[in-house]
Structures are given as structure tokens and as C-alpha cells.
Amino acid sequence: MTLTIKEAKDFLETIQSVDELNQHELNNDERKGIQQSISRRRKQLLKEQEMIEHYNYMSKYENMLLKENPEALICGIDEVGRGPLAGPVVACAVILNTGHSFLGLDDSKKLSATKREKLNMQLKENVLDYAYGIASPKEIDELNIYNATKLAMERAIKQLKQQPNYLLIDAMKLDNDIPQTSIIKGDAKSVSIAAASVMAKEYRDKLMKDLAKEYPGYDFEKNVGYGTKTHLEGLRNLGITPSHRKSFEPIKSML
């Protein structure tokens, strides 16, 4: 019995590999709608395969550690907010669940806002454990941004319900006794760090939107504290708020 184009389209969704798709007899069906559906499904499957391969690549550090110790509790740590003129620096510590598969997970800067929000929800609902750490603008001014970032990361680790026995950290070395690996651009090379990157970004963005209600006129809801034209105009017209970093220029010169 010949399938209708809709029936064929629905059936194609059940095919889970490019090889299976290429070998199916529907390829012999010359109807334009069928061929278009096959082409669309092939693109979907190739995209999914690409995402799986990328996820496997980003799992190499975790897999290597788990091979050495199957019971390892690996924690990925990343921060967001080192460069802005206002707001805190936020770190997130994440321990992924066993058998995790958050396809599409990547450095938060490479993801659209919609994709990042969706992944954040998936992570919060499924990871084994996560926690945030914050260093305030006052602490950033007192300690400098590098040391304040380390402080935020240490606070995130201490907030975890389950204490990790290995840390994967984005480009930082922490002064604690937990074995660790610092990875340059780790949010693009480790799924654990990428997860922390996404969750920290979403958390800090929410903080800055709340701050925008408290201090209107600086466009915090859009620039999240970075020195955009609107933000600098707000500084000139409205002055410096308690949420600004007084050790950062041009604020330092305004004091």
C-alpha cells in the first residue's frame, strides 16, 4: 500500500540514523513531497549526529577521570561577570548526573538566549547537584576581580550538598585541597564547565534584571552591567550606584 505524503512524513520521524534513512525504499518514491521530507529528515539526523559528536568531544575530561575512578564526583566550575562595570561576579559549581546527555550544551556565549534558557531549566531539573557563589561589587573593589572571582568559586563549592572530589575549572586555580584541573576556554571543552557557564550566566542575568528595577536609567536589563553607551550615559546623568565597581574605569576617575 502506498503511503500518503503525510503518512510518509510521520514515518520518517521514526527513523533514527542516516544509514537507515538512505537504505529505505521511500528513496525510490519520486513524489516531490516525499523527497523533500527525506531531505529534511536527513538534515535533522546529521545535525543530531554532529551534536552527539561534539558532546562526546566535550566529555573527554570527565570520561578520563571516571575511567580512573568510576565513583568520582566531578564538579565543573565557571564564572560570569568579570568585565562589567556594575553588579557582582557570579560563579556556579555543577556536578552532572550519571548518564547525562544535554545535547547542544556549549560555552554560554555561543548559545542563543532561548537555547540557554532551555538548557538552564534542563540542567536545574536533572543534574546531581549545583550551587552558586557571589562576590559583591564591594568585594571586587577590595580584593580585585581575580581574587573576587576565586572567592565566588569557593563559595559555590561550599554551597554544594555533595562535596566533589575533583574540580574542572575554567582558566583558574583555586587554593583548596581538592584535586583539580584548570582548562583554558574550558566552557568550550568540558560539559561540566559548560553547564556551569550556562547556569551562572542565567543566574547573573536575572540578578541584573532585578537590579534594573532598583536602579532604572542604566539599562542593566539589557547590558547586564557592561559599559554600553546607554549605561555610560546613565552614569553621567544619574551618578554612581552602590552596585557599581568603584575600582573600574571610568567610574574610578569619576569619584
C-alpha atoms as a PDB file:
ATOM      1  CA  MET A   1       0.000   0.000   0.000  1.00  0.00           C
ATOM      2  CA  THR A   2       1.350   3.417  -0.995  1.00  0.00           C
ATOM      3  CA  LEU A   3       1.738   5.856   1.899  1.00  0.00           C
ATOM      4  CA  THR A   4       0.286   9.330   1.682  1.00  0.00           C
ATOM      5  CA  ILE A   5       2.828  12.137   1.919  1.00  0.00           C
ATOM      6  CA  LYS A   6       1.693  12.889   5.498  1.00  0.00           C
ATOM      7  CA  GLU A   7       1.974   9.215   6.485  1.00  0.00           C
ATOM      8  CA  ALA A   8       5.429   9.044   4.944  1.00  0.00           C
ATOM      9  CA  LYS A   9       6.495  12.224   6.764  1.00  0.00           C
ATOM     10  CA  ASP A  10       5.283  10.806  10.102  1.00  0.00           C
ATOM     11  CA  PHE A  11       7.078   7.521   9.416  1.00  0.00           C
ATOM     12  CA  LEU A  12      10.348   9.280   8.566  1.00  0.00           C
ATOM     13  CA  GLU A  13      10.356  10.804  12.067  1.00  0.00           C
ATOM     14  CA  THR A  14      10.728   7.280  13.486  1.00  0.00           C
ATOM     15  CA  ILE A  15      13.979   6.668  11.561  1.00  0.00           C
ATOM     16  CA  GLN A  16      16.935   7.317  13.849  1.00  0.00           C
ATOM     17  CA  SER A  17      20.024   7.031  11.626  1.00  0.00           C
ATOM     18  CA  VAL A  18      21.204   8.361   8.277  1.00  0.00           C
ATOM     19  CA  ASP A  19      22.160   4.839   7.132  1.00  0.00           C
ATOM     20  CA  GLU A  20      18.668   3.544   7.832  1.00  0.00           C
ATOM     21  CA  LEU A  21      17.187   6.537   6.020  1.00  0.00           C
ATOM     22  CA  ASN A  22      19.441   6.095   2.973  1.00  0.00           C
ATOM     23  CA  GLN A  23      18.556   2.411   2.668  1.00  0.00           C
ATOM     24  CA  HIS A  24      14.794   2.825   2.995  1.00  0.00           C
ATOM     25  CA  GLU A  25      12.603   2.112  -0.012  1.00  0.00           C
ATOM     26  CA  LEU A  26      10.940   5.524   0.304  1.00  0.00           C
ATOM     27  CA  ASN A  27      14.010   6.894  -1.516  1.00  0.00           C
ATOM     28  CA  ASN A  28      12.553   5.303  -4.662  1.00  0.00           C
ATOM     29  CA  ASP A  29       9.342   7.292  -4.322  1.00  0.00           C
ATOM     30  CA  GLU A  30       9.644  10.139  -6.820  1.00  0.00           C
ATOM     31  CA  ARG A  31       6.899  12.338  -5.378  1.00  0.00           C
ATOM     32  CA  LYS A  32       8.305  15.801  -4.607  1.00  0.00           C
ATOM     33  CA  GLY A  33       6.751  15.930  -1.137  1.00  0.00           C
ATOM     34  CA  ILE A  34       8.349  12.612  -0.202  1.00  0.00           C
ATOM     35  CA  GLN A  35      11.791  13.643  -1.438  1.00  0.00           C
ATOM     36  CA  GLN A  36      11.548  16.959   0.430  1.00  0.00           C
ATOM     37  CA  SER A  37      10.588  15.113   3.633  1.00  0.00           C
ATOM     38  CA  ILE A  38      13.529  12.730   3.213  1.00  0.00           C
ATOM     39  CA  SER A  39      15.895  15.657   2.681  1.00  0.00           C
ATOM     40  CA  ARG A  40      14.589  17.454   5.800  1.00  0.00           C
ATOM     41  CA  ARG A  41      14.900  14.309   7.921  1.00  0.00           C
ATOM     42  CA  ARG A  42      18.448  13.704   6.659  1.00  0.00           C
ATOM     43  CA  LYS A  43      19.449  17.242   7.705  1.00  0.00           C
ATOM     44  CA  GLN A  44      17.890  16.701  11.148  1.00  0.00           C
ATOM     45  CA  LEU A  45      19.738  13.418  11.659  1.00  0.00           C
ATOM     46  CA  LEU A  46      23.061  14.878  10.506  1.00  0.00           C
ATOM     47  CA  LYS A  47      22.600  17.808  12.895  1.00  0.00           C
ATOM     48  CA  GLU A  48      21.799  15.452  15.771  1.00  0.00           C
ATOM     49  CA  GLN A  49      24.853  13.340  14.956  1.00  0.00           C
ATOM     50  CA  GLU A  50      27.025  16.444  14.908  1.00  0.00           C
ATOM     51  CA  MET A  51      25.681  17.450  18.334  1.00  0.00           C
ATOM     52  CA  ILE A  52      26.354  13.965  19.744  1.00  0.00           C
ATOM     53  CA  GLU A  53      29.930  14.011  18.423  1.00  0.00           C
ATOM     54  CA  HIS A  54      30.501  17.487  19.890  1.00  0.00           C
ATOM     55  CA  TYR A  55      29.072  16.388  23.243  1.00  0.00           C
ATOM     56  CA  ASN A  56      31.352  13.352  23.255  1.00  0.00           C
ATOM     57  CA  TYR A  57      34.325  15.600  22.499  1.00  0.00           C
ATOM     58  CA  MET A  58      33.389  17.869  25.405  1.00  0.00           C
ATOM     59  CA  SER A  59      33.072  14.860  27.730  1.00  0.00           C
ATOM     60  CA  LYS A  60      36.696  13.746  27.298  1.00  0.00           C
ATOM     61  CA  TYR A  61      37.959  15.202  30.614  1.00  0.00           C
ATOM     62  CA  GLU A  62      35.051  13.719  32.544  1.00  0.00           C
ATOM     63  CA  ASN A  63      35.370  10.323  30.845  1.00  0.00           C
ATOM     64  CA  MET A  64      39.093  10.192  31.539  1.00  0.00           C
ATOM     65  CA  LEU A  65      38.544  10.909  35.248  1.00  0.00           C
ATOM     66  CA  LEU A  66      35.692   8.402  35.522  1.00  0.00           C
ATOM     67  CA  LYS A  67      37.832   5.752  33.875  1.00  0.00           C
ATOM     68  CA  GLU A  68      40.391   6.223  36.652  1.00  0.00           C
ATOM     69  CA  ASN A  69      37.718   6.387  39.357  1.00  0.00           C
ATOM     70  CA  PRO A  70      34.126   5.355  38.469  1.00  0.00           C
ATOM     71  CA  GLU A  71      32.924   6.834  41.783  1.00  0.00           C
ATOM     72  CA  ALA A  72      34.398  10.286  41.108  1.00  0.00           C
ATOM     73  CA  LEU A  73      32.189  13.286  41.862  1.00  0.00           C
ATOM     74  CA  ILE A  74      33.373  15.721  39.207  1.00  0.00           C
ATOM     75  CA  CYS A  75      32.436  19.354  39.639  1.00  0.00           C
ATOM     76  CA  GLY A  76      32.557  21.867  36.793  1.00  0.00           C
ATOM     77  CA  ILE A  77      33.079  25.489  37.817  1.00  0.00           C
ATOM     78  CA  ASP A  78      32.763  28.684  35.813  1.00  0.00           C
ATOM     79  CA  GLU A  79      32.038  32.349  36.423  1.00  0.00           C
ATOM     80  CA  VAL A  80      30.333  35.185  34.654  1.00  0.00           C
ATOM     81  CA  GLY A  81      30.651  38.912  35.164  1.00  0.00           C
ATOM     82  CA  ARG A  82      34.360  39.675  35.367  1.00  0.00           C
ATOM     83  CA  GLY A  83      34.207  42.534  32.852  1.00  0.00           C
ATOM     84  CA  PRO A  84      31.088  44.589  33.693  1.00  0.00           C
ATOM     85  CA  LEU A  85      31.165  47.966  35.440  1.00  0.00           C
ATOM     86  CA  ALA A  86      28.301  47.025  37.743  1.00  0.00           C
ATOM     87  CA  GLY A  87      26.891  44.031  39.568  1.00  0.00           C
ATOM     88  CA  PRO A  88      28.516  41.026  41.233  1.00  0.00           C
ATOM     89  CA  VAL A  89      30.690  38.320  39.769  1.00  0.00           C
ATOM     90  CA  VAL A  90      28.779  35.024  39.887  1.00  0.00           C
ATOM     91  CA  ALA A  91      30.218  31.511  39.910  1.00  0.00           C
ATOM     92  CA  CYS A  92      28.376  28.237  39.523  1.00  0.00           C
ATOM     93  CA  ALA A  93      29.509  24.762  40.589  1.00  0.00           C
ATOM     94  CA  VAL A  94      27.814  21.796  38.897  1.00  0.00           C
ATOM     95  CA  ILE A  95      28.011  18.037  39.387  1.00  0.00           C
ATOM     96  CA  LEU A  96      26.388  16.343  36.395  1.00  0.00           C
ATOM     97  CA  ASN A  97      24.085  13.339  36.759  1.00  0.00           C
ATOM     98  CA  THR A  98      25.140   9.845  35.699  1.00  0.00           C
ATOM     99  CA  GLY A  99      24.402   9.178  32.024  1.00  0.00           C
ATOM    100  CA  HIS A 100      23.904  12.880  31.317  1.00  0.00           C
ATOM    101  CA  SER A 101      23.110  13.986  27.778  1.00  0.00           C
ATOM    102  CA  PHE A 102      22.383  17.694  27.453  1.00  0.00           C
ATOM    103  CA  LEU A 103      22.775  17.872  23.685  1.00  0.00           C
ATOM    104  CA  GLY A 104      23.517  21.362  22.436  1.00  0.00           C
ATOM    105  CA  LEU A 105      25.366  22.291  25.619  1.00  0.00           C
ATOM    106  CA  ASP A 106      28.271  24.637  24.898  1.00  0.00           C
ATOM    107  CA  ASP A 107      30.003  27.783  26.058  1.00  0.00           C
ATOM    108  CA  SER A 108      27.148  30.083  27.143  1.00  0.00           C
ATOM    109  CA  LYS A 109      28.491  32.854  24.870  1.00  0.00           C
ATOM    110  CA  LYS A 110      27.881  30.649  21.826  1.00  0.00           C
ATOM    111  CA  LEU A 111      24.228  29.954  22.659  1.00  0.00           C
ATOM    112  CA  SER A 112      21.140  31.993  21.871  1.00  0.00           C
ATOM    113  CA  ALA A 113      19.164  33.356  24.824  1.00  0.00           C
ATOM    114  CA  THR A 114      16.334  30.906  24.065  1.00  0.00           C
ATOM    115  CA  LYS A 115      18.645  27.887  23.892  1.00  0.00           C
ATOM    116  CA  ARG A 116      20.487  28.962  27.036  1.00  0.00           C
ATOM    117  CA  GLU A 117      17.244  29.364  28.987  1.00  0.00           C
ATOM    118  CA  LYS A 118      16.020  25.928  27.870  1.00  0.00           C
ATOM    119  CA  LEU A 119      19.313  24.254  28.803  1.00  0.00           C
ATOM    120  CA  ASN A 120      19.345  26.046  32.160  1.00  0.00           C
ATOM    121  CA  MET A 121      15.942  24.585  33.014  1.00  0.00           C
ATOM    122  CA  GLN A 122      17.025  21.098  31.928  1.00  0.00           C
ATOM    123  CA  LEU A 123      20.205  21.321  33.987  1.00  0.00           C
ATOM    124  CA  LYS A 124      18.481  22.571  37.135  1.00  0.00           C
ATOM    125  CA  GLU A 125      15.994  19.711  36.959  1.00  0.00           C
ATOM    126  CA  ASN A 126      18.448  16.909  36.182  1.00  0.00           C
ATOM    127  CA  VAL A 127      21.981  17.487  37.457  1.00  0.00           C
ATOM    128  CA  LEU A 128      23.130  15.712  40.610  1.00  0.00           C
ATOM    129  CA  ASP A 129      23.942  18.977  42.389  1.00  0.00           C
ATOM    130  CA  TYR A 130      24.556  22.660  41.716  1.00  0.00           C
ATOM    131  CA  ALA A 131      25.184  25.837  43.682  1.00  0.00           C
ATOM    132  CA  TYR A 132      26.060  29.491  43.118  1.00  0.00           C
ATOM    133  CA  GLY A 133      28.651  31.736  44.696  1.00  0.00           C
ATOM    134  CA  ILE A 134      28.672  35.535  44.552  1.00  0.00           C
ATOM    135  CA  ALA A 135      31.279  38.212  45.186  1.00  0.00           C
ATOM    136  CA  SER A 136      29.799  41.693  45.561  1.00  0.00           C
ATOM    137  CA  PRO A 137      30.996  44.897  43.857  1.00  0.00           C
ATOM    138  CA  LYS A 138      32.440  45.976  47.240  1.00  0.00           C
ATOM    139  CA  GLU A 139      34.443  42.730  47.468  1.00  0.00           C
ATOM    140  CA  ILE A 140      35.611  43.161  43.874  1.00  0.00           C
ATOM    141  CA  ASP A 141      36.906  46.643  44.752  1.00  0.00           C
ATOM    142  CA  GLU A 142      38.628  45.399  47.905  1.00  0.00           C
ATOM    143  CA  LEU A 143      40.136  42.164  46.558  1.00  0.00           C
ATOM    144  CA  ASN A 144      40.455  42.882  42.785  1.00  0.00           C
ATOM    145  CA  ILE A 145      38.388  40.998  40.221  1.00  0.00           C
ATOM    146  CA  TYR A 146      40.710  37.978  40.006  1.00  0.00           C
ATOM    147  CA  ASN A 147      40.615  37.250  43.734  1.00  0.00           C
ATOM    148  CA  ALA A 148      36.909  38.066  43.947  1.00  0.00           C
ATOM    149  CA  THR A 149      36.269  35.506  41.215  1.00  0.00           C
ATOM    150  CA  LYS A 150      38.167  32.871  43.191  1.00  0.00           C
ATOM    151  CA  LEU A 151      36.127  33.793  46.265  1.00  0.00           C
ATOM    152  CA  ALA A 152      32.852  33.362  44.339  1.00  0.00           C
ATOM    153  CA  MET A 153      34.012  29.947  43.079  1.00  0.00           C
ATOM    154  CA  GLU A 154      34.978  28.780  46.580  1.00  0.00           C
ATOM    155  CA  ARG A 155      31.595  29.923  47.876  1.00  0.00           C
ATOM    156  CA  ALA A 156      29.801  27.973  45.147  1.00  0.00           C
ATOM    157  CA  ILE A 157      31.701  24.781  46.035  1.00  0.00           C
ATOM    158  CA  LYS A 158      30.891  25.180  49.744  1.00  0.00           C
ATOM    159  CA  GLN A 159      27.185  25.579  48.960  1.00  0.00           C
ATOM    160  CA  LEU A 160      27.004  22.166  47.261  1.00  0.00           C
ATOM    161  CA  LYS A 161      25.089  19.493  49.178  1.00  0.00           C
ATOM    162  CA  GLN A 162      27.529  16.851  47.931  1.00  0.00           C
ATOM    163  CA  GLN A 163      31.195  17.733  48.155  1.00  0.00           C
ATOM    164  CA  PRO A 164      33.109  16.875  44.958  1.00  0.00           C
ATOM    165  CA  ASN A 165      36.419  15.020  44.882  1.00  0.00           C
ATOM    166  CA  TYR A 166      37.619  16.558  41.604  1.00  0.00           C
ATOM    167  CA  LEU A 167      37.262  20.036  40.103  1.00  0.00           C
ATOM    168  CA  LEU A 168      37.295  21.104  36.466  1.00  0.00           C
ATOM    169  CA  ILE A 169      37.714  24.876  36.435  1.00  0.00           C
ATOM    170  CA  ASP A 170      37.611  27.393  33.615  1.00  0.00           C
ATOM    171  CA  ALA A 171      41.069  29.007  33.495  1.00  0.00           C
ATOM    172  CA  MET A 172      41.502  29.354  37.270  1.00  0.00           C
ATOM    173  CA  LYS A 173      43.449  27.606  40.034  1.00  0.00           C
ATOM    174  CA  LEU A 174      41.767  27.504  43.437  1.00  0.00           C
ATOM    175  CA  ASP A 175      43.617  27.417  46.743  1.00  0.00           C
ATOM    176  CA  ASN A 176      41.988  24.329  48.237  1.00  0.00           C
ATOM    177  CA  ASP A 177      42.911  20.690  48.756  1.00  0.00           C
ATOM    178  CA  ILE A 178      40.542  19.232  46.140  1.00  0.00           C
ATOM    179  CA  PRO A 179      42.342  17.748  43.096  1.00  0.00           C
ATOM    180  CA  GLN A 180      41.665  19.988  40.125  1.00  0.00           C
ATOM    181  CA  THR A 181      42.380  20.773  36.506  1.00  0.00           C
ATOM    182  CA  SER A 182      42.349  24.302  35.133  1.00  0.00           C
ATOM    183  CA  ILE A 183      41.271  24.342  31.472  1.00  0.00           C
ATOM    184  CA  ILE A 184      41.796  27.368  29.240  1.00  0.00           C
ATOM    185  CA  LYS A 185      38.482  28.074  27.469  1.00  0.00           C
ATOM    186  CA  GLY A 186      37.100  25.194  29.496  1.00  0.00           C
ATOM    187  CA  ASP A 187      33.495  26.214  28.819  1.00  0.00           C
ATOM    188  CA  ALA A 188      34.032  25.075  25.222  1.00  0.00           C
ATOM    189  CA  LYS A 189      35.984  21.921  26.126  1.00  0.00           C
ATOM    190  CA  SER A 190      34.205  20.376  29.130  1.00  0.00           C
ATOM    191  CA  VAL A 191      30.498  19.590  29.524  1.00  0.00           C
ATOM    192  CA  SER A 192      30.736  20.170  33.287  1.00  0.00           C
ATOM    193  CA  ILE A 193      32.264  23.626  32.873  1.00  0.00           C
ATOM    194  CA  ALA A 194      29.841  24.453  30.036  1.00  0.00           C
ATOM    195  CA  ALA A 195      26.931  23.556  32.331  1.00  0.00           C
ATOM    196  CA  ALA A 196      28.334  25.872  34.999  1.00  0.00           C
ATOM    197  CA  SER A 197      28.802  28.574  32.359  1.00  0.00           C
ATOM    198  CA  VAL A 198      25.153  28.419  31.259  1.00  0.00           C
ATOM    199  CA  MET A 199      23.764  28.327  34.794  1.00  0.00           C
ATOM    200  CA  ALA A 200      25.979  31.169  36.042  1.00  0.00           C
ATOM    201  CA  LYS A 201      25.024  33.325  33.057  1.00  0.00           C
ATOM    202  CA  GLU A 202      21.285  32.777  33.550  1.00  0.00           C
ATOM    203  CA  TYR A 203      21.547  33.426  37.294  1.00  0.00           C
ATOM    204  CA  ARG A 204      23.519  36.651  36.916  1.00  0.00           C
ATOM    205  CA  ASP A 205      21.290  37.950  34.105  1.00  0.00           C
ATOM    206  CA  LYS A 206      18.301  37.548  36.443  1.00  0.00           C
ATOM    207  CA  LEU A 207      20.147  39.438  39.195  1.00  0.00           C
ATOM    208  CA  MET A 208      20.878  42.300  36.794  1.00  0.00           C
ATOM    209  CA  LYS A 209      17.244  42.487  35.661  1.00  0.00           C
ATOM    210  CA  ASP A 210      16.220  42.802  39.311  1.00  0.00           C
ATOM    211  CA  LEU A 211      18.893  45.474  39.774  1.00  0.00           C
ATOM    212  CA  ALA A 212      17.462  47.379  36.795  1.00  0.00           C
ATOM    213  CA  LYS A 213      14.194  47.806  38.732  1.00  0.00           C
ATOM    214  CA  GLU A 214      16.072  49.127  41.743  1.00  0.00           C
ATOM    215  CA  TYR A 215      18.273  51.456  39.668  1.00  0.00           C
ATOM    216  CA  PRO A 216      16.433  52.455  36.468  1.00  0.00           C
ATOM    217  CA  GLY A 217      18.194  54.514  33.847  1.00  0.00           C
ATOM    218  CA  TYR A 218      21.325  52.394  33.414  1.00  0.00           C
ATOM    219  CA  ASP A 219      19.773  49.790  31.098  1.00  0.00           C
ATOM    220  CA  PHE A 220      21.015  46.935  33.327  1.00  0.00           C
ATOM    221  CA  GLU A 221      18.267  44.660  31.989  1.00  0.00           C
ATOM    222  CA  LYS A 222      19.947  44.765  28.565  1.00  0.00           C
ATOM    223  CA  ASN A 223      23.643  45.436  29.174  1.00  0.00           C
ATOM    224  CA  VAL A 224      23.870  43.332  32.416  1.00  0.00           C
ATOM    225  CA  GLY A 225      26.334  45.876  33.769  1.00  0.00           C
ATOM    226  CA  TYR A 226      28.694  46.195  30.794  1.00  0.00           C
ATOM    227  CA  GLY A 227      29.805  49.657  29.726  1.00  0.00           C
ATOM    228  CA  THR A 228      27.419  50.298  26.849  1.00  0.00           C
ATOM    229  CA  LYS A 229      26.589  53.764  25.557  1.00  0.00           C
ATOM    230  CA  THR A 230      23.288  53.808  27.485  1.00  0.00           C
ATOM    231  CA  HIS A 231      24.997  52.660  30.689  1.00  0.00           C
ATOM    232  CA  LEU A 232      27.683  55.366  30.411  1.00  0.00           C
ATOM    233  CA  GLU A 233      25.007  57.992  29.768  1.00  0.00           C
ATOM    234  CA  GLY A 234      23.227  56.794  32.907  1.00  0.00           C
ATOM    235  CA  LEU A 235      26.444  57.194  34.899  1.00  0.00           C
ATOM    236  CA  ARG A 236      26.914  60.747  33.633  1.00  0.00           C
ATOM    237  CA  ASN A 237      23.279  61.757  34.222  1.00  0.00           C
ATOM    238  CA  LEU A 238      22.405  59.818  37.386  1.00  0.00           C
ATOM    239  CA  GLY A 239      25.738  59.150  39.054  1.00  0.00           C
ATOM    240  CA  ILE A 240      27.255  56.067  40.638  1.00  0.00           C
ATOM    241  CA  THR A 241      25.121  53.470  42.446  1.00  0.00           C
ATOM    242  CA  PRO A 242      26.188  51.110  45.268  1.00  0.00           C
ATOM    243  CA  SER A 243      26.165  48.337  42.642  1.00  0.00           C
ATOM    244  CA  HIS A 244      28.927  49.937  40.584  1.00  0.00           C
ATOM    245  CA  ARG A 245      32.545  48.798  40.835  1.00  0.00           C
ATOM    246  CA  LYS A 246      34.468  51.813  42.028  1.00  0.00           C
ATOM    247  CA  SER A 247      37.859  50.340  41.066  1.00  0.00           C
ATOM    248  CA  PHE A 248      36.794  50.077  37.389  1.00  0.00           C
ATOM    249  CA  GLU A 249      37.214  52.857  34.880  1.00  0.00           C
ATOM    250  CA  PRO A 250      35.584  55.241  34.043  1.00  0.00           C
ATOM    251  CA  ILE A 251      33.918  55.056  37.493  1.00  0.00           C
ATOM    252  CA  LYS A 252      37.260  55.297  39.306  1.00  0.00           C
ATOM    253  CA  SER A 253      38.025  58.623  37.591  1.00  0.00           C
ATOM    254  CA  MET A 254      34.508  59.936  38.336  1.00  0.00           C
ATOM    255  CA  LEU A 255      34.951  59.623  42.100  1.00  0.00           C
END
